[in-house]
Amino acid sequence: QVQLVESGGGLVQAGGSLRVSCEASARTFSSYAVGWFRQAPGKEREFVAAINWSGSSTNYANSVKGRFTISRDNAKNTVYLQMASLKPEDTAVYYCRVSSGGLDYWGKGTLVTVSP
């Protein structure tokens, strides 16, 4: 079983930056790909970014490409999402996800609010 805890959310002005983190409990965390997703009020959860087990491969949603950067530190069992040039439409609860053994594990999320 994998437990995930997101942190780092908060209130930021449009154009600002913020970094959110996802820390995992699993000792085998370094073998997992990790994804970031977000859910805005009244909307469905959507994919934001993903990173493979080693950090050598990443991909992003078109809406965040060039503004967000996903990275990981396997020694710390942590994946980061660095967000820059934030827009009000980036306001959402941000979740990380790990898939293992046919199951998806989610954290409880961290709220990012971008004011105009």
Protein backbone atom coordinates (compact mmCIF):
# COMPACT_ATOMS: atom_id res chain seq x y z
CA GLN A 1 0.00 0.00 0.00
CA VAL A 2 1.17 3.50 -0.85
CA GLN A 3 0.29 6.56 1.21
CA LEU A 4 0.68 9.95 -0.42
CA VAL A 5 0.68 13.35 1.24
CA GLU A 6 0.55 16.55 -0.77
CA SER A 7 1.70 19.86 0.63
CA GLY A 8 2.72 23.35 -0.40
CA GLY A 9 -0.56 24.73 -1.64
CA GLY A 10 -1.69 28.23 -0.83
CA LEU A 11 -2.82 31.58 -2.14
CA VAL A 12 -0.76 33.28 -4.82
CA GLN A 13 -1.34 36.19 -7.17
CA ALA A 14 -1.63 35.69 -10.90
CA GLY A 15 1.80 35.57 -12.47
CA GLY A 16 3.34 34.16 -9.32
CA SER A 17 4.98 30.85 -8.57
CA LEU A 18 4.38 28.00 -6.16
CA ARG A 19 5.82 24.55 -5.58
CA VAL A 20 3.70 21.67 -4.34
CA SER A 21 5.12 18.41 -3.07
CA CYS A 22 3.96 14.82 -2.89
CA GLU A 23 5.65 12.64 -0.29
CA ALA A 24 5.15 8.89 -0.35
CA SER A 25 5.39 6.29 2.36
CA ALA A 26 6.42 3.36 0.20
CA ARG A 27 10.02 2.19 0.35
CA THR A 28 9.67 1.18 -3.31
CA PHE A 29 8.54 4.66 -4.33
CA SER A 30 11.51 5.04 -6.65
CA SER A 31 10.07 2.31 -8.89
CA TYR A 32 6.78 4.12 -9.50
CA ALA A 33 5.73 6.65 -12.09
CA VAL A 34 3.85 9.52 -10.45
CA GLY A 35 1.19 11.81 -11.82
CA TRP A 36 -0.18 15.16 -10.74
CA PHE A 37 -3.84 15.88 -11.29
CA ARG A 38 -6.09 18.76 -10.34
CA GLN A 39 -9.75 19.37 -9.75
CA ALA A 40 -11.31 22.81 -9.92
CA PRO A 41 -14.65 23.55 -8.26
CA GLY A 42 -17.47 22.08 -10.29
CA LYS A 43 -15.14 20.39 -12.75
CA GLU A 44 -13.80 16.91 -13.27
CA ARG A 45 -10.34 15.91 -12.16
CA GLU A 46 -7.81 16.42 -14.95
CA PHE A 47 -4.29 15.35 -15.71
CA VAL A 48 -1.54 17.91 -15.17
CA ALA A 49 1.85 16.21 -15.40
CA ALA A 50 3.61 12.88 -14.96
CA ILE A 51 7.12 11.62 -14.39
CA ASN A 52 8.62 8.18 -14.80
CA TRP A 53 10.42 6.25 -12.08
CA SER A 54 13.84 7.74 -12.75
CA GLY A 55 12.80 11.25 -13.67
CA SER A 56 14.19 10.88 -17.18
CA SER A 57 10.78 11.19 -18.85
CA THR A 58 8.02 13.69 -18.22
CA ASN A 59 4.85 14.81 -19.92
CA TYR A 60 2.44 17.64 -19.41
CA ALA A 61 -1.05 18.77 -20.21
CA ASN A 62 -1.09 21.39 -22.95
CA SER A 63 -2.61 23.89 -20.54
CA VAL A 64 0.48 23.86 -18.29
CA LYS A 65 3.27 23.07 -20.74
CA GLY A 66 6.06 25.61 -20.47
CA ARG A 67 4.80 26.89 -17.09
CA PHE A 68 4.90 23.82 -14.83
CA THR A 69 7.82 21.50 -14.14
CA ILE A 70 7.57 18.09 -12.52
CA SER A 71 10.59 16.55 -10.82
CA ARG A 72 11.41 13.98 -8.19
CA ASP A 73 13.89 13.20 -5.47
CA ASN A 74 13.79 9.45 -4.87
CA ALA A 75 16.09 9.74 -1.86
CA LYS A 76 13.33 11.78 -0.22
CA ASN A 77 10.42 9.78 -1.65
CA THR A 78 9.07 13.05 -3.00
CA VAL A 79 7.77 14.38 -6.29
CA TYR A 80 7.48 18.11 -6.89
CA LEU A 81 5.40 20.28 -9.16
CA GLN A 82 6.93 23.70 -9.70
CA MET A 83 4.31 26.07 -11.02
CA ALA A 84 5.14 29.42 -12.61
CA SER A 85 3.20 32.14 -14.42
CA LEU A 86 0.13 31.02 -12.53
CA LYS A 87 -3.30 31.97 -13.81
CA PRO A 88 -6.65 32.14 -12.00
CA GLU A 89 -7.74 29.12 -14.01
CA ASP A 90 -5.00 27.09 -12.30
CA THR A 91 -7.01 27.34 -9.10
CA ALA A 92 -7.79 23.80 -7.98
CA VAL A 93 -7.04 21.06 -5.51
CA TYR A 94 -3.88 19.35 -6.69
CA TYR A 95 -3.51 15.60 -6.18
CA CYS A 96 -0.71 13.16 -6.82
CA ARG A 97 -1.31 9.60 -7.91
CA VAL A 98 0.68 6.37 -7.99
CA SER A 99 -0.49 3.27 -9.79
CA SER A 100 0.69 -0.08 -8.48
CA GLY A 101 -0.58 -3.62 -8.78
CA GLY A 102 -3.60 -2.50 -10.74
CA LEU A 103 -4.61 -0.01 -8.07
CA ASP A 104 -4.48 3.78 -8.02
CA TYR A 105 -3.36 5.52 -4.85
CA TRP A 106 -4.25 9.16 -4.27
CA GLY A 107 -3.36 11.70 -1.68
CA LYS A 108 -5.92 14.02 -0.10
CA GLY A 109 -4.76 16.96 -2.16
CA THR A 110 -3.50 20.46 -1.56
CA LEU A 111 -5.44 23.59 -2.51
CA VAL A 112 -3.88 26.14 -4.83
CA THR A 113 -5.73 29.42 -5.20
CA VAL A 114 -4.60 31.99 -7.77
CA SER A 115 -6.06 35.44 -7.34
CA PRO A 116 -6.48 37.78 -10.34
